[in-house]
Protein backbone atom coordinates (compact mmCIF):
# COMPACT_ATOMS: atom_id res chain seq x y z
CA MET A 1 77.60 66.92 92.96
CA GLY A 2 76.71 68.05 89.85
CA THR A 3 74.19 70.34 88.10
CA THR A 4 72.45 71.43 84.79
CA PHE A 5 74.54 73.52 82.30
CA PRO A 6 72.71 76.01 81.08
CA ARG A 7 72.35 77.82 84.36
CA ASP A 8 71.85 81.68 85.99
CA TYR A 9 71.77 82.39 89.78
CA ASP A 10 71.65 85.71 91.13
CA VAL A 11 73.58 87.34 93.93
CA HIS A 12 72.91 90.10 96.36
CA ILE A 13 76.41 92.28 97.17
CA LEU A 14 77.32 93.48 100.03
CA LEU A 15 79.84 94.54 101.18
CA ASP A 16 81.24 93.40 104.66
CA ASP A 17 82.58 96.17 107.37
CA ALA A 18 86.55 95.20 107.10
CA PRO A 19 87.80 97.97 108.72
CA HIS A 20 90.69 98.25 105.67
CA TYR A 21 88.31 99.80 103.43
CA LYS A 22 87.20 102.95 105.41
CA GLY A 23 88.37 106.03 103.77
CA SER A 24 88.45 104.16 100.46
CA ILE A 25 87.03 103.51 97.35
CA HIS A 26 85.23 100.27 99.26
CA ASP A 27 84.18 102.63 101.59
CA ASP A 28 80.26 104.22 100.16
CA GLU A 29 80.41 106.97 101.72
CA VAL A 30 84.16 108.01 100.02
CA ALA A 31 82.90 106.65 97.11
CA ARG A 32 79.29 108.46 96.90
CA ALA A 33 81.68 111.85 97.68
CA ARG A 34 83.61 110.86 94.30
CA GLY A 35 80.73 110.45 92.17
CA TYR A 36 79.88 107.05 92.63
CA LYS A 37 76.75 105.31 93.25
CA ALA A 38 78.36 103.67 96.03
CA ALA A 39 81.60 101.99 96.66
CA LEU A 40 83.48 99.71 94.07
CA VAL A 41 83.18 96.20 94.66
CA PRO A 42 86.94 94.51 94.67
CA GLY A 43 87.07 92.44 91.87
CA ALA A 44 87.89 89.02 94.04
CA PHE A 45 84.66 89.13 95.05
CA ILE A 46 83.22 88.94 91.64
CA TYR A 47 86.02 85.80 90.76
CA GLY A 48 84.82 84.68 94.02
CA HIS A 49 80.70 84.74 93.01
CA ILE A 50 82.14 82.90 89.54
CA SER A 51 83.85 80.07 91.44
CA ARG A 52 80.55 78.97 93.24
CA GLY A 53 78.69 77.44 89.63
CA ALA A 54 82.59 75.60 89.31
CA ILE A 55 82.18 74.22 93.96
CA GLU A 56 78.97 73.24 92.92
CA THR A 57 79.06 71.62 89.86
CA TRP A 58 82.43 69.69 90.63
CA GLY A 59 82.65 69.58 94.34
CA SER A 60 86.15 68.69 95.19
CA ASP A 61 87.49 67.54 91.91
CA TRP A 62 87.26 71.65 91.56
CA ALA A 63 89.84 72.02 94.56
CA GLU A 64 91.77 69.10 93.10
CA ARG A 65 92.40 69.98 88.78
CA GLY A 66 89.49 72.70 88.05
CA ALA A 67 90.42 76.42 86.67
CA MET A 68 88.81 78.99 85.77
CA ALA A 69 89.32 82.47 84.84
CA VAL A 70 87.88 85.64 84.49
CA ARG A 71 87.94 89.53 83.05
CA PHE A 72 86.59 92.19 84.83
CA ARG A 73 84.39 95.23 82.80
CA LYS A 74 82.70 97.60 84.20
CA PRO A 75 82.42 98.47 87.91
CA VAL A 76 80.52 96.41 90.18
CA TYR A 77 79.17 98.95 92.71
CA ASN A 78 77.88 97.69 96.96
CA HIS A 79 74.21 96.49 96.75
CA ASP A 80 74.15 95.99 93.47
CA ASP A 81 72.21 92.28 92.06
CA ILE A 82 74.05 90.49 89.44
CA ARG A 83 73.35 87.24 87.64
CA VAL A 84 75.71 85.01 87.21
CA SER A 85 75.90 82.99 83.30
CA LEU A 86 77.34 79.93 83.12
CA GLY A 87 76.73 78.65 79.28
CA PRO A 88 75.88 74.96 78.19
CA LEU A 89 79.66 72.27 78.90
CA GLU A 90 81.89 71.52 76.52
CA ASP A 91 84.75 69.22 76.24
CA ASP A 92 87.41 70.08 75.06
CA GLY A 93 89.96 67.15 74.69
CA THR A 94 91.11 68.40 78.05
CA HIS A 95 88.67 70.13 79.92
CA LEU A 96 85.09 70.28 81.06
CA ARG A 97 84.54 74.00 80.23
CA SER A 98 81.71 76.41 80.48
CA ALA A 99 81.39 79.93 79.03
CA ALA A 100 80.89 82.57 82.19
CA SER A 101 78.89 85.87 81.67
CA VAL A 102 77.51 88.52 84.44
CA ARG A 103 75.55 90.93 84.52
CA ASN A 104 74.31 93.94 86.25
CA GLY A 105 70.60 95.21 87.73
CA GLY A 106 70.62 96.98 84.52
CA GLY A 107 71.98 94.49 81.50
CA ASP A 108 74.95 95.20 81.97
CA GLU A 109 78.10 93.35 81.08
CA VAL A 110 80.42 93.32 83.97
CA ALA A 111 82.86 90.52 83.55
CA THR A 112 82.74 87.62 81.38
CA GLY A 113 85.11 84.29 82.26
CA TRP A 114 84.30 80.49 82.03
CA ILE A 115 84.75 77.70 84.74
CA ALA A 116 86.51 74.49 84.12
CA LEU A 117 87.56 70.29 84.91
CA ALA A 118 90.33 69.06 83.91
CA HIS A 119 89.60 65.04 82.96
CA GLU A 120 93.33 64.45 84.85
CA PRO A 121 95.04 65.55 87.52
CA VAL A 122 97.49 68.89 85.96
CA GLN A 123 100.76 68.74 86.40
CA PRO A 124 102.37 71.22 88.87
CA PRO A 125 105.62 72.83 88.92
CA ASP A 126 108.40 71.49 90.90
CA ALA A 127 108.45 73.33 93.95
CA LYS A 128 112.36 72.57 94.02
CA THR A 129 112.65 74.91 90.99
CA LEU A 130 110.51 78.11 92.69
CA LYS A 131 112.23 80.44 94.12
CA ILE A 132 110.86 81.55 97.61
CA LEU A 133 111.11 85.57 98.81
CA ASP A 134 110.53 87.09 101.69
CA LEU A 135 108.34 90.97 101.25
CA PRO A 136 110.69 93.79 101.72
CA GLU A 137 111.22 96.10 105.07
CA ASN A 138 111.07 99.02 102.26
CA PRO A 139 109.46 97.75 99.17
CA PRO A 140 110.46 99.82 96.59
CA ALA A 141 108.55 102.27 94.74
CA VAL A 142 108.22 102.15 90.72
CA LYS A 143 107.40 104.46 88.18
CA ALA A 144 104.60 103.61 85.79
CA GLY A 145 106.56 101.87 82.60
CA ASP A 146 109.17 101.51 84.52
CA LEU A 147 107.87 97.44 86.14
CA PRO A 148 110.39 95.27 84.56
CA ILE A 149 109.77 91.92 83.06
CA GLY A 150 111.68 89.22 84.83
CA ALA A 151 111.11 90.20 88.13
CA PRO A 152 110.77 87.99 91.01
CA LEU A 153 107.20 88.09 93.37
CA HIS A 154 107.55 88.61 96.95
CA SER A 155 105.72 86.70 100.02
CA ARG A 156 104.85 86.58 103.73
CA GLN A 157 105.18 83.05 104.96
CA ARG A 158 101.97 82.94 107.38
CA VAL A 159 99.73 80.17 108.70
CA LEU A 160 96.54 80.78 107.20
CA THR A 161 94.02 79.74 110.59
CA ALA A 162 90.89 78.85 111.11
CA GLU A 163 89.90 82.51 111.70
CA ASP A 164 90.89 84.31 108.78
CA PHE A 165 89.29 81.60 106.79
CA GLN A 166 86.03 81.86 108.48
CA VAL A 167 86.20 85.89 108.05
CA SER A 168 86.43 84.93 104.27
CA LEU A 169 83.53 83.37 104.24
CA SER A 170 82.00 85.38 105.80
CA ALA A 171 83.34 88.49 103.29
CA PHE A 172 82.68 86.35 100.47
CA ALA A 173 79.21 84.89 101.71
CA GLU A 174 79.75 81.52 101.21
CA THR A 175 77.65 79.43 102.73
CA HIS A 176 78.49 75.81 100.85
CA PRO A 177 78.52 72.99 103.53
CA ILE A 178 81.84 71.42 101.13
CA TYR A 179 83.81 74.10 103.37
CA SER A 180 82.59 72.84 106.53
CA ASP A 181 83.05 69.18 105.48
CA PRO A 182 85.95 68.05 104.21
CA GLY A 183 86.20 72.53 105.08
CA PHE A 184 89.27 73.16 102.63
CA VAL A 185 89.49 77.23 101.47
CA HIS A 186 87.91 78.71 99.20
CA SER A 187 89.55 79.94 95.42
CA GLY A 188 89.55 83.59 95.88
CA MET A 189 90.11 83.71 99.50
CA LEU A 190 93.50 81.68 97.90
CA MET A 191 93.79 84.35 94.67
CA ARG A 192 92.80 87.41 96.85
CA THR A 193 95.92 86.36 99.57
CA ALA A 194 98.34 85.94 96.27
CA MET A 195 97.28 88.70 95.37
CA GLY A 196 97.59 90.65 98.51
CA ASP A 197 101.69 89.30 98.27
CA VAL A 198 102.44 90.05 95.12
CA ASN A 199 100.77 93.75 95.36
CA SER A 200 102.90 94.34 99.19
CA GLY A 201 106.52 93.92 96.64
CA TRP A 202 106.17 97.07 95.77
CA LYS A 203 105.21 101.00 96.39
CA PHE A 204 102.97 101.51 93.38
CA PRO A 205 102.30 104.71 91.76
CA ALA A 206 98.83 104.37 92.29
CA ALA A 207 95.96 102.68 93.41
CA ILE A 208 95.91 98.86 90.99
CA VAL A 209 93.05 97.85 89.52
CA LEU A 210 92.42 93.79 89.16
CA VAL A 211 91.73 93.61 84.86
CA GLU A 212 92.18 89.98 84.48
CA ALA A 213 92.70 86.16 86.53
CA GLU A 214 93.32 82.69 85.55
CA THR A 215 93.69 79.48 87.89
CA GLN A 216 94.88 76.25 87.79
CA HIS A 217 94.18 74.27 90.75
CA PHE A 218 96.22 71.32 92.02
CA ARG A 219 95.05 70.10 95.63
CA PRO A 220 93.26 72.00 98.52
CA VAL A 221 94.34 74.26 101.33
CA TYR A 222 93.15 73.95 104.71
CA PRO A 223 93.26 75.94 107.16
CA GLY A 224 96.56 75.81 109.37
CA GLN A 225 98.61 75.35 106.34
CA THR A 226 101.82 77.72 106.19
CA ILE A 227 101.24 79.42 102.54
CA ARG A 228 103.45 81.19 99.94
CA THR A 229 103.37 82.43 96.70
CA THR A 230 106.56 82.83 94.42
CA GLY A 231 106.54 83.88 90.87
CA GLN A 232 107.78 86.66 88.03
CA VAL A 233 106.27 89.32 86.17
CA ALA A 234 106.03 87.25 82.83
CA ASP A 235 104.13 90.74 81.30
CA THR A 236 104.36 94.44 80.95
CA TYR A 237 102.50 96.79 78.32
CA GLU A 238 101.16 100.07 77.93
CA ARG A 239 97.43 101.09 76.65
CA LYS A 240 95.63 104.01 76.30
CA GLY A 241 97.57 105.66 78.83
CA LYS A 242 97.86 102.93 81.51
CA HIS A 243 99.91 100.84 82.68
CA TYR A 244 99.86 96.96 82.81
CA PHE A 245 101.78 94.08 84.46
CA VAL A 246 100.88 90.32 84.02
CA THR A 247 102.03 88.21 86.82
CA ASP A 248 103.13 84.86 86.82
CA GLU A 249 102.13 83.04 90.43
CA VAL A 250 101.93 80.07 92.42
CA LEU A 251 100.75 79.86 95.78
CA LEU A 252 102.02 76.85 97.77
CA ALA A 253 100.27 74.75 101.19
CA ASP A 254 102.76 73.49 103.57
CA GLY A 255 106.12 73.82 100.37
CA VAL A 256 104.26 72.33 98.02
CA PRO A 257 101.86 74.07 94.89
CA ALA A 258 98.27 74.30 95.55
CA ALA A 259 97.41 77.06 92.75
CA ARG A 260 98.72 78.89 89.71
CA PHE A 261 98.04 82.15 89.02
CA ARG A 262 98.14 84.57 86.13
CA ARG A 263 97.13 88.50 87.21
CA THR A 264 96.68 91.16 84.63
CA GLN A 265 96.68 94.81 86.37
CA ILE A 266 96.40 98.22 86.32
CA TYR A 267 99.60 100.12 88.68
CA GLY A 268 99.58 103.62 86.59
């Protein structure tokens, strides 16, 4: 594939009408009643729009050994127009890397990060060393500041169906032909699926806020594969009265590590 750097591309944000948004801050009516101009857009979608630049540049190679990171700095609202800017490609000896910046229509920087492609395949963790735990029937409640470092992550076993994939492509407004042929699952869906599993393992004292995510891909994932998420809480800290937790996660497809995520979220 390939494209030129630096480069910019524009995205019009339009949330789908997913039923689980109703009554939440991701619903235009609810958000406006709370004083926002429109529904707040989940960070996973901004992540997805940045990853689009990587797919357009490196194609299937990126699903096999690509990486990216994004830090969310300001809210993005439904119906916003954003611009994704990718800086010059730089070679750090192990990766080709481009810095990413996302700005809204008013020129405010709402997210920063990077996309990268490793020169060589990245060694995944040994699946035999990973502890896979089912989600508890009654997830334990956790108070702000009480989430322990080293706590294991849980997930449910699920087959990623073709219908799941098509719904996600629509939600993320992904139209690249590579998602039809060869038809692997886009990074935004993988990251969001792992996040959903991780966040279902506890009852948190407040709504979760995604702050930062870093990804390393090991192999493509395809519809029909069985996926699980494993890992642990890597760090916790408090900043300006808010409680954060950092998770190291491995997503497995048919028992084989397909991607690693390191995610930072506010939970209280």
